[in-house]
């Protein structure tokens, strides 16, 4: 049974772009351990590019700097400002 276009069905989002149909698995958002919010974004480590700076300004990613270690956090909570993961 196919789900209507643009609606979720069994954990998938079904989209139609012209003649092309796309089905994407919906991944659960990561929950902040400090406040419980799901408004979290990935932290990007490395020297930022023009595109990554623009994405950070739009709130799509957080910039983590050039140094990364095994204990560097992977997520940033937009609700409370906590770095985690």
PDB file of N, CA and C in Angstrom:
ATOM      1  N   UNK A   1       0.845  -1.184   0.000  1.00  0.00           N
ATOM      2  CA  UNK A   1       0.000   0.000   0.000  1.00  0.00           C
ATOM      3  C   UNK A   1       0.877   1.230   0.000  1.00  0.00           C
ATOM      4  N   UNK A   2       0.711   2.111  -0.947  1.00  0.00           N
ATOM      5  CA  UNK A   2       1.523   3.317  -1.052  1.00  0.00           C
ATOM      6  C   UNK A   2       0.889   4.456  -0.268  1.00  0.00           C
ATOM      7  N   UNK A   3       1.742   5.234   0.390  1.00  0.00           N
ATOM      8  CA  UNK A   3       1.253   6.388   1.142  1.00  0.00           C
ATOM      9  C   UNK A   3       1.052   7.558   0.190  1.00  0.00           C
ATOM     10  N   UNK A   4       0.150   8.471   0.502  1.00  0.00           N
ATOM     11  CA  UNK A   4      -0.002   9.664  -0.320  1.00  0.00           C
ATOM     12  C   UNK A   4       1.298  10.467  -0.355  1.00  0.00           C
ATOM     13  N   UNK A   5       1.538  11.164  -1.437  1.00  0.00           N
ATOM     14  CA  UNK A   5       2.756  11.945  -1.605  1.00  0.00           C
ATOM     15  C   UNK A   5       2.829  13.032  -0.543  1.00  0.00           C
ATOM     16  N   UNK A   6       4.010  13.159   0.105  1.00  0.00           N
ATOM     17  CA  UNK A   6       4.219  14.183   1.105  1.00  0.00           C
ATOM     18  C   UNK A   6       3.793  13.784   2.504  1.00  0.00           C
ATOM     19  N   UNK A   7       3.295  12.582   2.678  1.00  0.00           N
ATOM     20  CA  UNK A   7       2.886  12.125   3.995  1.00  0.00           C
ATOM     21  C   UNK A   7       3.797  10.994   4.441  1.00  0.00           C
ATOM     22  N   UNK A   8       3.878  10.823   5.746  1.00  0.00           N
ATOM     23  CA  UNK A   8       4.710   9.746   6.262  1.00  0.00           C
ATOM     24  C   UNK A   8       3.912   8.452   6.301  1.00  0.00           C
ATOM     25  N   UNK A   9       4.613   7.382   6.094  1.00  0.00           N
ATOM     26  CA  UNK A   9       4.004   6.065   6.173  1.00  0.00           C
ATOM     27  C   UNK A   9       5.055   5.104   6.692  1.00  0.00           C
ATOM     28  N   UNK A  10       4.837   4.545   7.861  1.00  0.00           N
ATOM     29  CA  UNK A  10       5.736   3.568   8.445  1.00  0.00           C
ATOM     30  C   UNK A  10       7.165   4.096   8.576  1.00  0.00           C
ATOM     31  N   UNK A  11       7.316   5.359   9.008  1.00  0.00           N
ATOM     32  CA  UNK A  11       8.644   5.920   9.241  1.00  0.00           C
ATOM     33  C   UNK A  11       9.316   6.501   8.016  1.00  0.00           C
ATOM     34  N   UNK A  12       8.591   6.684   6.912  1.00  0.00           N
ATOM     35  CA  UNK A  12       9.174   7.235   5.691  1.00  0.00           C
ATOM     36  C   UNK A  12       8.405   8.469   5.248  1.00  0.00           C
ATOM     37  N   UNK A  13       9.114   9.401   4.600  1.00  0.00           N
ATOM     38  CA  UNK A  13       8.497  10.585   4.012  1.00  0.00           C
ATOM     39  C   UNK A  13       8.514  10.383   2.510  1.00  0.00           C
ATOM     40  N   UNK A  14       7.372  10.467   1.889  1.00  0.00           N
ATOM     41  CA  UNK A  14       7.263  10.254   0.451  1.00  0.00           C
ATOM     42  C   UNK A  14       7.090  11.591  -0.251  1.00  0.00           C
ATOM     43  N   UNK A  15       7.979  11.879  -1.211  1.00  0.00           N
ATOM     44  CA  UNK A  15       7.950  13.135  -1.951  1.00  0.00           C
ATOM     45  C   UNK A  15       7.862  12.857  -3.437  1.00  0.00           C
ATOM     46  N   UNK A  16       7.264  13.787  -4.162  1.00  0.00           N
ATOM     47  CA  UNK A  16       7.211  13.668  -5.611  1.00  0.00           C
ATOM     48  C   UNK A  16       7.771  14.944  -6.213  1.00  0.00           C
ATOM     49  N   UNK A  17       8.812  14.785  -7.036  1.00  0.00           N
ATOM     50  CA  UNK A  17       9.448  15.920  -7.700  1.00  0.00           C
ATOM     51  C   UNK A  17       9.327  15.693  -9.198  1.00  0.00           C
ATOM     52  N   UNK A  18       8.297  16.260  -9.803  1.00  0.00           N
ATOM     53  CA  UNK A  18       8.026  16.000 -11.206  1.00  0.00           C
ATOM     54  C   UNK A  18       7.652  14.537 -11.384  1.00  0.00           C
ATOM     55  N   UNK A  19       8.360  13.854 -12.266  1.00  0.00           N
ATOM     56  CA  UNK A  19       8.101  12.433 -12.497  1.00  0.00           C
ATOM     57  C   UNK A  19       8.857  11.558 -11.504  1.00  0.00           C
ATOM     58  N   UNK A  20       9.782  12.143 -10.761  1.00  0.00           N
ATOM     59  CA  UNK A  20      10.606  11.372  -9.833  1.00  0.00           C
ATOM     60  C   UNK A  20       9.931  11.289  -8.470  1.00  0.00           C
ATOM     61  N   UNK A  21       9.853  10.080  -7.926  1.00  0.00           N
ATOM     62  CA  UNK A  21       9.294   9.867  -6.594  1.00  0.00           C
ATOM     63  C   UNK A  21      10.424   9.476  -5.658  1.00  0.00           C
ATOM     64  N   UNK A  22      10.464  10.094  -4.493  1.00  0.00           N
ATOM     65  CA  UNK A  22      11.522   9.863  -3.511  1.00  0.00           C
ATOM     66  C   UNK A  22      10.889   9.447  -2.195  1.00  0.00           C
ATOM     67  N   UNK A  23      11.475   8.440  -1.569  1.00  0.00           N
ATOM     68  CA  UNK A  23      11.044   8.001  -0.251  1.00  0.00           C
ATOM     69  C   UNK A  23      12.250   8.079   0.675  1.00  0.00           C
ATOM     70  N   UNK A  24      12.137   8.863   1.758  1.00  0.00           N
ATOM     71  CA  UNK A  24      13.251   9.057   2.680  1.00  0.00           C
ATOM     72  C   UNK A  24      12.879   8.558   4.063  1.00  0.00           C
ATOM     73  N   UNK A  25      13.797   7.857   4.697  1.00  0.00           N
ATOM     74  CA  UNK A  25      13.576   7.401   6.068  1.00  0.00           C
ATOM     75  C   UNK A  25      13.700   8.597   7.004  1.00  0.00           C
ATOM     76  N   UNK A  26      12.753   8.744   7.892  1.00  0.00           N
ATOM     77  CA  UNK A  26      12.761   9.848   8.844  1.00  0.00           C
ATOM     78  C   UNK A  26      13.571   9.427  10.058  1.00  0.00           C
ATOM     79  N   UNK A  27      14.618  10.182  10.348  1.00  0.00           N
ATOM     80  CA  UNK A  27      15.478   9.892  11.486  1.00  0.00           C
ATOM     81  C   UNK A  27      14.997  10.705  12.684  1.00  0.00           C
ATOM     82  N   UNK A  28      14.924  10.098  13.848  1.00  0.00           N
ATOM     83  CA  UNK A  28      14.510  10.849  15.035  1.00  0.00           C
ATOM     84  C   UNK A  28      15.548  11.908  15.387  1.00  0.00           C
ATOM     85  N   UNK A  29      15.072  13.053  15.850  1.00  0.00           N
ATOM     86  CA  UNK A  29      15.991  14.116  16.257  1.00  0.00           C
ATOM     87  C   UNK A  29      16.672  13.731  17.559  1.00  0.00           C
ATOM     88  N   UNK A  30      17.913  14.178  17.720  1.00  0.00           N
ATOM     89  CA  UNK A  30      18.668  13.905  18.937  1.00  0.00           C
ATOM     90  C   UNK A  30      18.143  14.809  20.048  1.00  0.00           C
ATOM     91  N   UNK A  31      17.923  14.239  21.222  1.00  0.00           N
ATOM     92  CA  UNK A  31      17.396  14.977  22.362  1.00  0.00           C
ATOM     93  C   UNK A  31      18.547  15.505  23.212  1.00  0.00           C
ATOM     94  N   UNK A  32      18.455  16.758  23.625  1.00  0.00           N
ATOM     95  CA  UNK A  32      19.462  17.376  24.483  1.00  0.00           C
ATOM     96  C   UNK A  32      19.398  16.753  25.877  1.00  0.00           C
ATOM     97  N   UNK A  33      20.537  16.292  26.405  1.00  0.00           N
ATOM     98  CA  UNK A  33      20.523  15.695  27.741  1.00  0.00           C
ATOM     99  C   UNK A  33      20.318  16.721  28.854  1.00  0.00           C
ATOM    100  N   UNK A  34      20.582  18.004  28.558  1.00  0.00           N
ATOM    101  CA  UNK A  34      20.448  19.038  29.585  1.00  0.00           C
ATOM    102  C   UNK A  34      19.008  19.516  29.751  1.00  0.00           C
ATOM    103  N   UNK A  35      18.321  19.780  28.610  1.00  0.00           N
ATOM    104  CA  UNK A  35      16.978  20.360  28.713  1.00  0.00           C
ATOM    105  C   UNK A  35      15.889  19.501  28.085  1.00  0.00           C
ATOM    106  N   UNK A  36      16.273  18.466  27.337  1.00  0.00           N
ATOM    107  CA  UNK A  36      15.295  17.579  26.729  1.00  0.00           C
ATOM    108  C   UNK A  36      14.754  18.045  25.389  1.00  0.00           C
ATOM    109  N   UNK A  37      15.191  19.211  24.915  1.00  0.00           N
ATOM    110  CA  UNK A  37      14.709  19.730  23.635  1.00  0.00           C
ATOM    111  C   UNK A  37      15.237  18.886  22.477  1.00  0.00           C
ATOM    112  N   UNK A  38      14.503  18.855  21.379  1.00  0.00           N
ATOM    113  CA  UNK A  38      14.959  18.146  20.181  1.00  0.00           C
ATOM    114  C   UNK A  38      15.432  19.108  19.100  1.00  0.00           C
ATOM    115  N   UNK A  39      15.521  20.379  19.419  1.00  0.00           N
ATOM    116  CA  UNK A  39      16.001  21.391  18.472  1.00  0.00           C
ATOM    117  C   UNK A  39      17.529  21.429  18.531  1.00  0.00           C
ATOM    118  N   UNK A  40      18.156  20.361  18.032  1.00  0.00           N
ATOM    119  CA  UNK A  40      19.610  20.243  18.083  1.00  0.00           C
ATOM    120  C   UNK A  40      20.166  20.169  16.667  1.00  0.00           C
ATOM    121  N   UNK A  41      21.416  20.592  16.516  1.00  0.00           N
ATOM    122  CA  UNK A  41      22.081  20.586  15.214  1.00  0.00           C
ATOM    123  C   UNK A  41      23.476  19.986  15.355  1.00  0.00           C
ATOM    124  N   UNK A  42      24.036  19.539  14.245  1.00  0.00           N
ATOM    125  CA  UNK A  42      25.379  18.977  14.232  1.00  0.00           C
ATOM    126  C   UNK A  42      26.408  20.088  14.398  1.00  0.00           C
ATOM    127  N   UNK A  43      27.535  19.736  15.016  1.00  0.00           N
ATOM    128  CA  UNK A  43      28.671  20.650  15.135  1.00  0.00           C
ATOM    129  C   UNK A  43      29.677  20.265  14.057  1.00  0.00           C
ATOM    130  N   UNK A  44      30.071  21.229  13.237  1.00  0.00           N
ATOM    131  CA  UNK A  44      31.029  21.001  12.167  1.00  0.00           C
ATOM    132  C   UNK A  44      32.406  21.470  12.619  1.00  0.00           C
ATOM    133  N   UNK A  45      33.370  20.559  12.566  1.00  0.00           N
ATOM    134  CA  UNK A  45      34.751  20.886  12.919  1.00  0.00           C
ATOM    135  C   UNK A  45      35.580  20.975  11.653  1.00  0.00           C
ATOM    136  N   UNK A  46      36.472  21.908  11.575  1.00  0.00           N
ATOM    137  CA  UNK A  46      37.406  22.136  10.472  1.00  0.00           C
ATOM    138  C   UNK A  46      37.381  23.628  10.181  1.00  0.00           C
ATOM    139  N   UNK A  47      38.244  24.046   9.291  1.00  0.00           N
ATOM    140  CA  UNK A  47      38.230  25.455   8.901  1.00  0.00           C
ATOM    141  C   UNK A  47      36.953  25.705   8.111  1.00  0.00           C
ATOM    142  N   UNK A  48      36.147  26.678   8.523  1.00  0.00           N
ATOM    143  CA  UNK A  48      34.857  26.876   7.859  1.00  0.00           C
ATOM    144  C   UNK A  48      35.007  27.414   6.442  1.00  0.00           C
ATOM    145  N   UNK A  49      34.128  26.947   5.576  1.00  0.00           N
ATOM    146  CA  UNK A  49      34.051  27.456   4.210  1.00  0.00           C
ATOM    147  C   UNK A  49      32.980  28.542   4.170  1.00  0.00           C
ATOM    148  N   UNK A  50      32.867  29.197   3.054  1.00  0.00           N
ATOM    149  CA  UNK A  50      31.830  30.211   2.877  1.00  0.00           C
ATOM    150  C   UNK A  50      30.452  29.577   3.074  1.00  0.00           C
ATOM    151  N   UNK A  51      30.272  28.389   2.485  1.00  0.00           N
ATOM    152  CA  UNK A  51      28.982  27.696   2.577  1.00  0.00           C
ATOM    153  C   UNK A  51      28.661  27.283   4.011  1.00  0.00           C
ATOM    154  N   UNK A  52      29.671  26.793   4.739  1.00  0.00           N
ATOM    155  CA  UNK A  52      29.405  26.381   6.126  1.00  0.00           C
ATOM    156  C   UNK A  52      29.110  27.588   7.006  1.00  0.00           C
ATOM    157  N   UNK A  53      29.733  28.717   6.734  1.00  0.00           N
ATOM    158  CA  UNK A  53      29.417  29.942   7.488  1.00  0.00           C
ATOM    159  C   UNK A  53      27.980  30.380   7.234  1.00  0.00           C
ATOM    160  N   UNK A  54      27.553  30.289   5.989  1.00  0.00           N
ATOM    161  CA  UNK A  54      26.161  30.632   5.680  1.00  0.00           C
ATOM    162  C   UNK A  54      25.186  29.679   6.364  1.00  0.00           C
ATOM    163  N   UNK A  55      25.510  28.375   6.356  1.00  0.00           N
ATOM    164  CA  UNK A  55      24.654  27.385   7.013  1.00  0.00           C
ATOM    165  C   UNK A  55      24.589  27.646   8.516  1.00  0.00           C
ATOM    166  N   UNK A  56      25.707  28.060   9.111  1.00  0.00           N
ATOM    167  CA  UNK A  56      25.725  28.378  10.538  1.00  0.00           C
ATOM    168  C   UNK A  56      24.870  29.608  10.828  1.00  0.00           C
ATOM    169  N   UNK A  57      24.919  30.597   9.961  1.00  0.00           N
ATOM    170  CA  UNK A  57      24.091  31.797  10.140  1.00  0.00           C
ATOM    171  C   UNK A  57      22.605  31.458  10.045  1.00  0.00           C
ATOM    172  N   UNK A  58      22.267  30.475   9.211  1.00  0.00           N
ATOM    173  CA  UNK A  58      20.863  30.048   9.082  1.00  0.00           C
ATOM    174  C   UNK A  58      20.449  29.130  10.226  1.00  0.00           C
ATOM    175  N   UNK A  59      21.395  28.723  11.080  1.00  0.00           N
ATOM    176  CA  UNK A  59      21.084  27.857  12.210  1.00  0.00           C
ATOM    177  C   UNK A  59      20.992  26.394  11.849  1.00  0.00           C
ATOM    178  N   UNK A  60      21.578  25.994  10.707  1.00  0.00           N
ATOM    179  CA  UNK A  60      21.525  24.610  10.260  1.00  0.00           C
ATOM    180  C   UNK A  60      22.642  23.763  10.861  1.00  0.00           C
ATOM    181  N   UNK A  61      23.769  24.374  11.176  1.00  0.00           N
ATOM    182  CA  UNK A  61      24.906  23.700  11.809  1.00  0.00           C
ATOM    183  C   UNK A  61      25.528  24.659  12.805  1.00  0.00           C
ATOM    184  N   UNK A  62      26.379  24.141  13.684  1.00  0.00           N
ATOM    185  CA  UNK A  62      27.176  24.971  14.588  1.00  0.00           C
ATOM    186  C   UNK A  62      28.642  24.752  14.215  1.00  0.00           C
ATOM    187  N   UNK A  63      29.429  25.803  14.261  1.00  0.00           N
ATOM    188  CA  UNK A  63      30.846  25.691  13.948  1.00  0.00           C
ATOM    189  C   UNK A  63      31.620  25.390  15.216  1.00  0.00           C
ATOM    190  N   UNK A  64      32.463  24.349  15.161  1.00  0.00           N
ATOM    191  CA  UNK A  64      33.177  23.887  16.342  1.00  0.00           C
ATOM    192  C   UNK A  64      34.652  24.219  16.364  1.00  0.00           C
ATOM    193  N   UNK A  65      35.168  24.878  15.342  1.00  0.00           N
ATOM    194  CA  UNK A  65      36.586  25.214  15.302  1.00  0.00           C
ATOM    195  C   UNK A  65      37.395  24.181  14.531  1.00  0.00           C
ATOM    196  N   UNK A  66      38.712  24.361  14.551  1.00  0.00           N
ATOM    197  CA  UNK A  66      39.603  23.522  13.742  1.00  0.00           C
ATOM    198  C   UNK A  66      40.144  22.314  14.491  1.00  0.00           C
ATOM    199  N   UNK A  67      40.100  22.331  15.803  1.00  0.00           N
ATOM    200  CA  UNK A  67      40.655  21.226  16.587  1.00  0.00           C
ATOM    201  C   UNK A  67      39.548  20.280  17.028  1.00  0.00           C
ATOM    202  N   UNK A  68      39.760  18.993  16.808  1.00  0.00           N
ATOM    203  CA  UNK A  68      38.784  17.992  17.196  1.00  0.00           C
ATOM    204  C   UNK A  68      39.504  16.849  17.910  1.00  0.00           C
ATOM    205  N   UNK A  69      38.840  16.296  18.907  1.00  0.00           N
ATOM    206  CA  UNK A  69      39.399  15.160  19.633  1.00  0.00           C
ATOM    207  C   UNK A  69      38.303  14.110  19.791  1.00  0.00           C
ATOM    208  N   UNK A  70      38.649  13.009  20.423  1.00  0.00           N
ATOM    209  CA  UNK A  70      37.664  11.946  20.635  1.00  0.00           C
ATOM    210  C   UNK A  70      36.527  12.367  21.553  1.00  0.00           C
ATOM    211  N   UNK A  71      36.757  13.377  22.391  1.00  0.00           N
ATOM    212  CA  UNK A  71      35.732  13.821  23.340  1.00  0.00           C
ATOM    213  C   UNK A  71      35.026  15.108  22.894  1.00  0.00           C
ATOM    214  N   UNK A  72      35.304  15.567  21.677  1.00  0.00           N
ATOM    215  CA  UNK A  72      34.633  16.767  21.174  1.00  0.00           C
ATOM    216  C   UNK A  72      33.147  16.485  20.989  1.00  0.00           C
ATOM    217  N   UNK A  73      32.288  17.411  21.411  1.00  0.00           N
ATOM    218  CA  UNK A  73      30.849  17.193  21.259  1.00  0.00           C
ATOM    219  C   UNK A  73      30.442  17.185  19.787  1.00  0.00           C
ATOM    220  N   UNK A  74      29.392  16.449  19.479  1.00  0.00           N
ATOM    221  CA  UNK A  74      28.932  16.315  18.106  1.00  0.00           C
ATOM    222  C   UNK A  74      27.654  17.086  17.812  1.00  0.00           C
ATOM    223  N   UNK A  75      26.924  17.483  18.872  1.00  0.00           N
ATOM    224  CA  UNK A  75      25.645  18.178  18.705  1.00  0.00           C
ATOM    225  C   UNK A  75      25.611  19.444  19.550  1.00  0.00           C
ATOM    226  N   UNK A  76      24.774  20.386  19.128  1.00  0.00           N
ATOM    227  CA  UNK A  76      24.557  21.646  19.842  1.00  0.00           C
ATOM    228  C   UNK A  76      23.057  21.837  19.993  1.00  0.00           C
ATOM    229  N   UNK A  77      22.616  22.171  21.202  1.00  0.00           N
ATOM    230  CA  UNK A  77      21.202  22.424  21.465  1.00  0.00           C
ATOM    231  C   UNK A  77      20.907  23.899  21.236  1.00  0.00           C
ATOM    232  N   UNK A  78      20.000  24.187  20.319  1.00  0.00           N
ATOM    233  CA  UNK A  78      19.630  25.567  20.033  1.00  0.00           C
ATOM    234  C   UNK A  78      18.758  26.161  21.123  1.00  0.00           C
ATOM    235  N   UNK A  79      18.128  25.316  21.922  1.00  0.00           N
ATOM    236  CA  UNK A  79      17.236  25.802  22.978  1.00  0.00           C
ATOM    237  C   UNK A  79      18.018  26.305  24.197  1.00  0.00           C
ATOM    238  N   UNK A  80      19.047  25.543  24.642  1.00  0.00           N
ATOM    239  CA  UNK A  80      19.752  25.932  25.881  1.00  0.00           C
ATOM    240  C   UNK A  80      21.241  26.206  25.683  1.00  0.00           C
ATOM    241  N   UNK A  81      21.791  25.916  24.491  1.00  0.00           N
ATOM    242  CA  UNK A  81      23.186  26.206  24.221  1.00  0.00           C
ATOM    243  C   UNK A  81      24.166  25.111  24.667  1.00  0.00           C
ATOM    244  N   UNK A  82      23.644  23.960  25.084  1.00  0.00           N
ATOM    245  CA  UNK A  82      24.491  22.860  25.534  1.00  0.00           C
ATOM    246  C   UNK A  82      25.141  22.135  24.354  1.00  0.00           C
ATOM    247  N   UNK A  83      26.438  21.839  24.467  1.00  0.00           N
ATOM    248  CA  UNK A  83      27.139  20.966  23.531  1.00  0.00           C
ATOM    249  C   UNK A  83      27.130  19.562  24.116  1.00  0.00           C
ATOM    250  N   UNK A  84      26.854  18.548  23.292  1.00  0.00           N
ATOM    251  CA  UNK A  84      26.811  17.186  23.817  1.00  0.00           C
ATOM    252  C   UNK A  84      27.102  16.174  22.715  1.00  0.00           C
ATOM    253  N   UNK A  85      27.184  14.921  23.127  1.00  0.00           N
ATOM    254  CA  UNK A  85      27.368  13.816  22.200  1.00  0.00           C
ATOM    255  C   UNK A  85      28.793  13.522  21.993  1.00  0.00           C
TER     256      UNK A  85
END
